[in-house]
Amino acid sequence: MKILYVNNDGGGFADHIEIQDGTSVAQLFSQRVTNGKPSDYLIRVNRQPAASDQLLLPGDRVTFTPVKIEGA
């Protein structure tokens, strides 16, 4: 299934990506953010705070935004 993934870490980008059905927010985070902890990010699905066990649905908009930006 396809979702819109917005990575606000560093330069940031947005892209439609394919993920497996039944993927949770925590699973996507561990796949996409290899050197970070969830507690260091504001994690949202469709602009709403998301639980780690929330399952993603086709067309969801997922954003991972760091709470602390290095050098700022």
N, C-alpha and C. Protein backbone atom coordinates (compact mmCIF):
# COMPACT_ATOMS: atom_id res chain seq x y z
N MET A 1 0.84 -1.17 0.00
CA MET A 1 0.00 0.00 0.00
C MET A 1 0.89 1.24 0.00
N LYS A 2 0.34 2.36 -0.44
CA LYS A 2 1.09 3.60 -0.53
C LYS A 2 0.68 4.57 0.57
N ILE A 3 1.70 5.24 1.15
CA ILE A 3 1.47 6.33 2.10
C ILE A 3 2.35 7.49 1.69
N LEU A 4 2.07 8.67 2.23
CA LEU A 4 2.94 9.83 2.04
C LEU A 4 3.82 9.93 3.26
N TYR A 5 5.13 9.85 3.06
CA TYR A 5 6.09 9.91 4.15
C TYR A 5 6.84 11.23 4.07
N VAL A 6 6.77 12.02 5.15
CA VAL A 6 7.46 13.30 5.21
C VAL A 6 8.54 13.19 6.27
N ASN A 7 9.79 13.31 5.84
CA ASN A 7 10.92 13.26 6.77
C ASN A 7 11.41 14.67 6.99
N ASN A 8 11.20 15.20 8.19
CA ASN A 8 11.62 16.56 8.51
C ASN A 8 12.97 16.59 9.20
N ASP A 9 13.74 15.54 9.08
CA ASP A 9 15.06 15.46 9.69
C ASP A 9 16.08 15.98 8.69
N GLY A 10 16.86 16.97 9.09
CA GLY A 10 17.84 17.53 8.16
C GLY A 10 17.16 18.35 7.08
N GLY A 11 17.47 18.05 5.82
CA GLY A 11 16.90 18.77 4.69
C GLY A 11 15.43 18.50 4.52
N GLY A 12 15.01 17.32 4.88
CA GLY A 12 13.60 16.95 4.78
C GLY A 12 13.18 16.63 3.36
N PHE A 13 12.21 15.79 3.21
CA PHE A 13 11.64 15.44 1.92
C PHE A 13 10.29 14.80 2.13
N ALA A 14 9.51 14.76 1.08
CA ALA A 14 8.22 14.08 1.11
C ALA A 14 8.16 13.17 -0.10
N ASP A 15 7.64 11.97 0.10
CA ASP A 15 7.56 11.02 -1.00
C ASP A 15 6.49 9.98 -0.71
N HIS A 16 5.85 9.54 -1.75
CA HIS A 16 4.92 8.41 -1.61
C HIS A 16 5.77 7.15 -1.58
N ILE A 17 5.57 6.33 -0.56
CA ILE A 17 6.34 5.09 -0.43
C ILE A 17 5.40 3.90 -0.32
N GLU A 18 5.90 2.75 -0.69
CA GLU A 18 5.16 1.49 -0.56
C GLU A 18 5.56 0.83 0.75
N ILE A 19 4.57 0.43 1.53
CA ILE A 19 4.82 -0.32 2.76
C ILE A 19 3.89 -1.54 2.77
N GLN A 20 4.22 -2.50 3.60
CA GLN A 20 3.40 -3.70 3.71
C GLN A 20 2.13 -3.40 4.50
N ASP A 21 1.05 -4.07 4.15
CA ASP A 21 -0.18 -3.98 4.94
C ASP A 21 0.13 -4.42 6.37
N GLY A 22 -0.46 -3.76 7.34
CA GLY A 22 -0.24 -4.13 8.73
C GLY A 22 0.98 -3.50 9.36
N THR A 23 1.63 -2.55 8.67
CA THR A 23 2.79 -1.87 9.22
C THR A 23 2.35 -0.87 10.28
N SER A 24 3.01 -0.90 11.43
CA SER A 24 2.68 0.03 12.50
C SER A 24 3.59 1.27 12.41
N VAL A 25 3.23 2.29 13.14
CA VAL A 25 4.03 3.51 13.18
C VAL A 25 5.44 3.19 13.70
N ALA A 26 5.54 2.36 14.74
CA ALA A 26 6.84 2.00 15.30
C ALA A 26 7.70 1.25 14.29
N GLN A 27 7.10 0.37 13.52
CA GLN A 27 7.86 -0.38 12.51
C GLN A 27 8.39 0.56 11.43
N LEU A 28 7.55 1.48 10.97
CA LEU A 28 8.00 2.43 9.95
C LEU A 28 9.11 3.31 10.50
N PHE A 29 8.97 3.75 11.74
CA PHE A 29 10.01 4.58 12.35
C PHE A 29 11.35 3.84 12.37
N SER A 30 11.34 2.59 12.81
CA SER A 30 12.60 1.84 12.89
C SER A 30 13.20 1.58 11.52
N GLN A 31 12.38 1.49 10.48
CA GLN A 31 12.88 1.28 9.11
C GLN A 31 13.47 2.56 8.54
N ARG A 32 12.87 3.70 8.85
CA ARG A 32 13.25 4.97 8.22
C ARG A 32 14.23 5.82 9.01
N VAL A 33 14.20 5.72 10.34
CA VAL A 33 15.09 6.52 11.19
C VAL A 33 16.01 5.54 11.90
N THR A 34 17.16 5.31 11.30
CA THR A 34 18.06 4.27 11.81
C THR A 34 18.87 4.71 13.03
N ASN A 35 19.13 6.00 13.18
CA ASN A 35 19.97 6.46 14.29
C ASN A 35 19.23 7.40 15.22
N GLY A 36 17.97 7.13 15.48
CA GLY A 36 17.21 8.02 16.35
C GLY A 36 16.30 7.25 17.28
N LYS A 37 15.85 7.95 18.32
CA LYS A 37 14.90 7.37 19.27
C LYS A 37 13.56 8.05 19.07
N PRO A 38 12.47 7.31 19.17
CA PRO A 38 11.15 7.91 19.00
C PRO A 38 10.90 9.08 19.96
N SER A 39 11.50 9.04 21.14
CA SER A 39 11.28 10.12 22.11
C SER A 39 11.88 11.45 21.65
N ASP A 40 12.77 11.40 20.66
CA ASP A 40 13.40 12.61 20.13
C ASP A 40 12.64 13.18 18.94
N TYR A 41 11.49 12.59 18.61
CA TYR A 41 10.73 13.01 17.43
C TYR A 41 9.26 13.25 17.77
N LEU A 42 8.68 14.20 17.05
CA LEU A 42 7.23 14.39 17.07
C LEU A 42 6.71 13.53 15.92
N ILE A 43 5.94 12.52 16.25
CA ILE A 43 5.47 11.55 15.25
C ILE A 43 3.97 11.74 15.07
N ARG A 44 3.59 12.01 13.82
CA ARG A 44 2.17 12.28 13.52
C ARG A 44 1.71 11.48 12.32
N VAL A 45 0.44 11.11 12.35
CA VAL A 45 -0.23 10.48 11.22
C VAL A 45 -1.44 11.34 10.90
N ASN A 46 -1.50 11.82 9.66
CA ASN A 46 -2.59 12.71 9.23
C ASN A 46 -2.72 13.92 10.15
N ARG A 47 -1.55 14.47 10.52
CA ARG A 47 -1.43 15.68 11.34
C ARG A 47 -1.87 15.51 12.79
N GLN A 48 -2.10 14.28 13.22
CA GLN A 48 -2.50 13.99 14.60
C GLN A 48 -1.42 13.15 15.28
N PRO A 49 -1.17 13.37 16.59
CA PRO A 49 -0.21 12.52 17.30
C PRO A 49 -0.60 11.05 17.15
N ALA A 50 0.41 10.20 17.00
CA ALA A 50 0.15 8.78 16.73
C ALA A 50 0.73 7.90 17.82
N ALA A 51 0.03 6.82 18.11
CA ALA A 51 0.53 5.80 19.04
C ALA A 51 1.49 4.89 18.28
N SER A 52 2.43 4.32 18.99
CA SER A 52 3.43 3.47 18.33
C SER A 52 2.81 2.23 17.69
N ASP A 53 1.71 1.73 18.26
CA ASP A 53 1.10 0.52 17.72
C ASP A 53 0.00 0.80 16.69
N GLN A 54 -0.17 2.07 16.34
CA GLN A 54 -1.18 2.43 15.34
C GLN A 54 -0.80 1.84 13.98
N LEU A 55 -1.75 1.14 13.36
CA LEU A 55 -1.51 0.57 12.04
C LEU A 55 -1.76 1.62 10.98
N LEU A 56 -0.89 1.66 9.99
CA LEU A 56 -1.02 2.63 8.92
C LEU A 56 -1.99 2.13 7.86
N LEU A 57 -2.70 3.07 7.26
CA LEU A 57 -3.70 2.76 6.24
C LEU A 57 -3.30 3.41 4.92
N PRO A 58 -3.79 2.89 3.79
CA PRO A 58 -3.46 3.49 2.50
C PRO A 58 -3.82 4.98 2.49
N GLY A 59 -2.90 5.79 1.98
CA GLY A 59 -3.13 7.22 1.87
C GLY A 59 -2.78 8.02 3.11
N ASP A 60 -2.35 7.37 4.20
CA ASP A 60 -1.97 8.10 5.41
C ASP A 60 -0.78 9.01 5.11
N ARG A 61 -0.71 10.12 5.85
CA ARG A 61 0.41 11.07 5.77
C ARG A 61 1.16 10.96 7.08
N VAL A 62 2.41 10.49 7.02
CA VAL A 62 3.21 10.25 8.23
C VAL A 62 4.37 11.23 8.27
N THR A 63 4.55 11.91 9.42
CA THR A 63 5.66 12.84 9.56
C THR A 63 6.48 12.49 10.81
N PHE A 64 7.79 12.55 10.66
CA PHE A 64 8.74 12.39 11.76
C PHE A 64 9.53 13.69 11.85
N THR A 65 9.29 14.48 12.89
CA THR A 65 9.95 15.78 13.03
C THR A 65 10.80 15.77 14.31
N PRO A 66 12.10 16.01 14.19
CA PRO A 66 12.93 16.02 15.40
C PRO A 66 12.53 17.17 16.32
N VAL A 67 12.56 16.91 17.64
CA VAL A 67 12.22 17.96 18.59
C VAL A 67 13.41 18.87 18.82
N LYS A 68 14.60 18.33 18.69
CA LYS A 68 15.82 19.11 18.86
C LYS A 68 16.59 19.05 17.55
N ILE A 69 16.97 20.22 17.06
CA ILE A 69 17.72 20.27 15.81
C ILE A 69 19.16 20.65 16.15
N GLU A 70 20.10 19.82 15.71
CA GLU A 70 21.50 20.08 16.01
C GLU A 70 21.95 21.39 15.39
N GLY A 71 22.72 22.14 16.17
CA GLY A 71 23.25 23.41 15.68
C GLY A 71 22.29 24.58 15.86
N ALA A 72 21.11 24.31 16.37
CA ALA A 72 20.14 25.41 16.56
C ALA A 72 20.04 25.79 18.02
